[in-house]
Amino acid sequence: MPDKLATQRLAKTYADQGNPDGWFEEFYARAGGNISKVYWADLKPSPLLLAWITENRALAGTLAITIGCGLGDDAEALANHGYRVTAFDISTSAIAMCRKRYPNSEVDYKVADLFNPPTEWHRAFSLVYECNTIQILTGSNRVRAIEAIVDLVAPGGCILVSCRSRGTGEQTNTFPLALDRQEIDGFVRGGLSEIHFTSYDDDQDPPVPHFFAVYSRSE
């Protein structure tokens, strides 16, 4: 298993050079197509995502997108529940691993940059799923990421956000840096309405605090 501290150092090195996303490709390329080397991947969809899409069927059949899709588990879950899914990652190697894992998938896997997405993605998706992308960014790129994610959601659509959390003013020198309530409220400042918000601890030892939130665009 790769050294987590080494991965954090790699990510921080790229961030300090002004290229906060650059380390993803190096990490996935080092994995050489071996999914076991992507140590953070659960290799199963998020239980909270599954619960939400099972209980909220109104948007099934519409366009959905997953941000920084990694190895594709969440994207496949959305497709299996009837969504027409685009899943993207900035890493070419990550997308290649998704396509290898799911050779017959209906998900449209793409290499793309959140900060420079295709113009046709502007307010195009009824469901946007974001999980743990923002926490590996630094400085103003965290605000830019929220703004870019907000720009993807269509009128009448919603964004699901799953992320690690921290108290305001806590752990400010850690990397990755979890979101505090003021940061995640950027989705509301971006023009969306908060329709669900929960704060919880996961089942790790010791438990890790998380947020799970849903935001909607009325128009």
Protein backbone atom coordinates (compact mmCIF):
# COMPACT_ATOMS: atom_id res chain seq x y z
CA MET A 1 0.00 0.00 0.00
CA PRO A 2 1.35 3.45 -0.85
CA ASP A 3 2.53 5.62 2.01
CA LYS A 4 -0.27 8.08 2.82
CA LEU A 5 2.20 10.64 4.11
CA ALA A 6 4.18 10.35 0.87
CA THR A 7 0.98 10.95 -1.10
CA GLN A 8 0.18 14.00 1.02
CA ARG A 9 3.68 15.34 0.41
CA LEU A 10 3.26 14.76 -3.32
CA ALA A 11 -0.06 16.61 -3.36
CA LYS A 12 1.27 19.50 -1.31
CA THR A 13 4.32 19.82 -3.56
CA TYR A 14 2.10 20.27 -6.60
CA ALA A 15 -0.19 22.66 -4.71
CA ASP A 16 2.74 24.79 -3.61
CA GLN A 17 3.82 24.99 -7.26
CA GLY A 18 0.41 26.39 -8.21
CA ASN A 19 -0.77 23.14 -9.81
CA PRO A 20 -3.14 21.69 -7.19
CA ASP A 21 -4.51 18.98 -9.49
CA GLY A 22 -1.24 17.87 -11.07
CA TRP A 23 -0.43 15.19 -8.52
CA PHE A 24 -3.48 13.11 -9.43
CA GLU A 25 -2.04 11.95 -12.73
CA GLU A 26 1.32 11.10 -11.16
CA PHE A 27 -0.40 9.12 -8.41
CA TYR A 28 -2.70 7.16 -10.73
CA ALA A 29 0.07 6.61 -13.27
CA ARG A 30 2.27 5.13 -10.52
CA ALA A 31 -0.57 2.70 -9.74
CA GLY A 32 -0.06 1.23 -13.21
CA GLY A 33 -3.68 0.16 -13.51
CA ASN A 34 -3.65 -1.70 -10.17
CA ILE A 35 -6.74 -0.52 -8.29
CA SER A 36 -5.41 -1.91 -5.00
CA LYS A 37 -2.77 0.83 -5.07
CA VAL A 38 -5.46 3.53 -4.92
CA TYR A 39 -5.60 3.15 -1.16
CA TRP A 40 -8.39 5.65 -0.49
CA ALA A 41 -10.85 4.00 -2.86
CA ASP A 42 -13.61 2.02 -1.11
CA LEU A 43 -14.37 0.17 -4.35
CA LYS A 44 -18.05 0.57 -3.63
CA PRO A 45 -20.46 3.50 -3.93
CA SER A 46 -21.07 5.89 -1.06
CA PRO A 47 -23.84 4.58 1.24
CA LEU A 48 -25.22 8.11 1.63
CA LEU A 49 -25.33 8.56 -2.15
CA LEU A 50 -27.11 5.23 -2.53
CA ALA A 51 -29.62 6.12 0.17
CA TRP A 52 -30.38 9.49 -1.42
CA ILE A 53 -30.85 8.27 -4.99
CA THR A 54 -32.97 5.36 -3.75
CA GLU A 55 -35.28 7.64 -1.77
CA ASN A 56 -35.38 10.49 -4.31
CA ARG A 57 -36.41 9.13 -7.69
CA ALA A 58 -37.77 12.28 -9.29
CA LEU A 59 -34.53 13.05 -11.16
CA ALA A 60 -33.87 9.49 -12.38
CA GLY A 61 -33.45 9.46 -16.16
CA THR A 62 -31.91 12.93 -16.22
CA LEU A 63 -28.30 14.00 -16.73
CA ALA A 64 -25.91 13.51 -13.81
CA ILE A 65 -22.22 14.19 -13.33
CA THR A 66 -19.64 13.07 -10.78
CA ILE A 67 -16.73 15.37 -9.93
CA GLY A 68 -13.26 13.79 -9.78
CA CYS A 69 -14.76 10.35 -10.32
CA GLY A 70 -11.71 8.33 -9.26
CA LEU A 71 -12.36 4.64 -9.96
CA GLY A 72 -16.01 5.13 -10.94
CA ASP A 73 -18.02 3.42 -8.21
CA ASP A 74 -20.35 6.36 -7.55
CA ALA A 75 -20.83 7.03 -11.25
CA GLU A 76 -21.81 3.42 -11.85
CA ALA A 77 -24.30 3.56 -8.98
CA LEU A 78 -25.97 6.59 -10.55
CA ALA A 79 -26.13 4.84 -13.92
CA ASN A 80 -27.61 1.73 -12.30
CA HIS A 81 -30.37 3.94 -10.86
CA GLY A 82 -31.34 5.27 -14.25
CA TYR A 83 -29.30 8.46 -14.59
CA ARG A 84 -27.50 9.38 -17.78
CA VAL A 85 -24.07 9.87 -16.29
CA THR A 86 -20.96 11.79 -17.20
CA ALA A 87 -18.00 11.13 -14.91
CA PHE A 88 -14.77 13.05 -15.16
CA ASP A 89 -11.35 13.21 -13.64
CA ILE A 90 -8.33 15.34 -14.45
CA SER A 91 -6.17 12.20 -14.47
CA THR A 92 -5.97 10.34 -17.78
CA SER A 93 -4.77 7.25 -15.93
CA ALA A 94 -7.76 7.32 -13.56
CA ILE A 95 -10.20 7.44 -16.46
CA ALA A 96 -8.34 4.57 -18.15
CA MET A 97 -8.78 2.52 -14.96
CA CYS A 98 -12.52 3.29 -14.92
CA ARG A 99 -12.91 2.15 -18.50
CA LYS A 100 -10.95 -1.02 -17.76
CA ARG A 101 -13.05 -1.79 -14.65
CA TYR A 102 -16.33 -1.20 -16.48
CA PRO A 103 -15.76 -2.05 -20.17
CA ASN A 104 -19.49 -2.22 -20.91
CA SER A 105 -20.50 0.78 -18.85
CA GLU A 106 -23.10 3.28 -19.98
CA VAL A 107 -21.23 6.02 -18.08
CA ASP A 108 -19.52 8.59 -20.29
CA TYR A 109 -16.04 8.73 -18.72
CA LYS A 110 -14.06 11.83 -19.66
CA VAL A 111 -10.76 13.50 -18.88
CA ALA A 112 -11.61 17.07 -17.91
CA ASP A 113 -10.56 19.95 -15.68
CA LEU A 114 -13.11 21.33 -13.20
CA PHE A 115 -11.63 24.79 -13.69
CA ASN A 116 -11.90 24.60 -17.48
CA PRO A 117 -14.88 22.36 -18.29
CA PRO A 118 -16.52 21.98 -21.70
CA THR A 119 -18.84 24.92 -22.41
CA GLU A 120 -21.78 22.57 -22.94
CA TRP A 121 -21.62 21.56 -19.28
CA HIS A 122 -22.79 25.00 -18.12
CA ARG A 123 -25.93 24.40 -16.00
CA ALA A 124 -26.49 21.14 -17.86
CA PHE A 125 -26.86 18.52 -15.10
CA SER A 126 -29.89 17.77 -12.97
CA LEU A 127 -27.74 15.94 -10.42
CA VAL A 128 -24.16 16.87 -9.53
CA TYR A 129 -22.22 14.67 -7.09
CA GLU A 130 -19.14 16.03 -5.34
CA CYS A 131 -17.14 13.89 -2.93
CA ASN A 132 -13.86 15.00 -1.31
CA THR A 133 -12.50 17.04 -4.22
CA ILE A 134 -12.39 20.42 -2.51
CA GLN A 135 -10.39 19.23 0.50
CA ILE A 136 -7.22 18.61 -1.53
CA LEU A 137 -7.23 22.15 -2.94
CA THR A 138 -5.59 25.13 -1.33
CA GLY A 139 -6.24 28.85 -1.01
CA SER A 140 -8.54 30.52 -3.50
CA ASN A 141 -8.86 27.31 -5.52
CA ARG A 142 -11.25 25.99 -2.87
CA VAL A 143 -13.64 28.87 -3.54
CA ARG A 144 -13.13 28.52 -7.30
CA ALA A 145 -13.99 24.81 -7.08
CA ILE A 146 -17.29 25.49 -5.32
CA GLU A 147 -18.17 28.14 -7.89
CA ALA A 148 -17.31 25.75 -10.75
CA ILE A 149 -19.39 22.95 -9.24
CA VAL A 150 -22.35 25.30 -8.75
CA ASP A 151 -22.09 26.26 -12.43
CA LEU A 152 -22.78 22.66 -13.49
CA VAL A 153 -26.22 22.30 -11.92
CA ALA A 154 -29.26 22.89 -14.13
CA PRO A 155 -32.37 24.86 -13.15
CA GLY A 156 -34.46 22.57 -10.96
CA GLY A 157 -31.45 20.36 -10.31
CA CYS A 158 -29.41 19.68 -7.21
CA ILE A 159 -25.90 19.09 -5.92
CA LEU A 160 -24.99 16.39 -3.42
CA VAL A 161 -21.85 17.17 -1.42
CA SER A 162 -20.06 14.58 0.69
CA CYS A 163 -16.90 15.67 2.48
CA ARG A 164 -14.78 15.45 5.58
CA SER A 165 -15.49 18.26 8.03
CA ARG A 166 -13.81 20.28 10.77
CA GLY A 167 -14.74 23.01 13.18
CA THR A 168 -14.12 26.60 12.11
CA GLY A 169 -10.56 27.57 12.90
CA GLU A 170 -9.48 23.97 13.59
CA GLN A 171 -6.73 21.96 11.86
CA THR A 172 -5.83 24.88 9.62
CA ASN A 173 -2.32 23.55 8.93
CA THR A 174 -3.36 20.05 7.88
CA PHE A 175 -3.36 18.72 4.33
CA PRO A 176 -5.75 17.67 2.93
CA LEU A 177 -7.85 20.31 4.67
CA ALA A 178 -11.42 19.27 5.52
CA LEU A 179 -14.25 21.78 4.98
CA ASP A 180 -15.74 23.82 7.79
CA ARG A 181 -19.32 25.07 7.83
CA GLN A 182 -18.39 28.50 6.50
CA GLU A 183 -16.72 26.94 3.46
CA ILE A 184 -19.48 24.51 2.56
CA ASP A 185 -21.96 27.38 2.88
CA GLY A 186 -20.28 28.68 -0.29
CA PHE A 187 -22.81 26.60 -2.20
CA VAL A 188 -25.55 28.81 -0.75
CA ARG A 189 -23.56 31.97 -1.43
CA GLY A 190 -23.27 30.70 -5.00
CA GLY A 191 -27.04 30.99 -5.42
CA LEU A 192 -28.32 27.58 -4.35
CA SER A 193 -30.75 26.65 -1.58
CA GLU A 194 -29.81 24.20 1.14
CA ILE A 195 -32.44 21.43 1.28
CA HIS A 196 -30.60 18.92 3.47
CA PHE A 197 -27.60 19.08 5.79
CA THR A 198 -26.20 16.53 8.19
CA SER A 199 -23.02 16.36 10.23
CA TYR A 200 -21.88 12.89 11.29
CA ASP A 201 -18.89 10.77 12.31
CA ASP A 202 -17.98 7.79 10.14
CA ASP A 203 -17.16 4.29 11.35
CA GLN A 204 -13.37 4.54 11.21
CA ASP A 205 -11.25 4.15 14.34
CA PRO A 206 -10.98 6.90 15.43
CA PRO A 207 -14.14 8.30 13.78
CA VAL A 208 -13.73 11.03 11.17
CA PRO A 209 -16.30 13.86 11.08
CA HIS A 210 -18.15 14.47 7.81
CA PHE A 211 -20.78 16.66 6.18
CA PHE A 212 -23.41 15.45 3.74
CA ALA A 213 -25.47 18.20 2.14
CA VAL A 214 -27.90 18.71 -0.72
CA TYR A 215 -28.37 22.03 -2.51
CA SER A 216 -30.87 22.93 -5.24
CA ARG A 217 -31.18 25.55 -7.96
CA SER A 218 -34.66 26.95 -8.32
CA GLU A 219 -34.07 28.73 -11.60
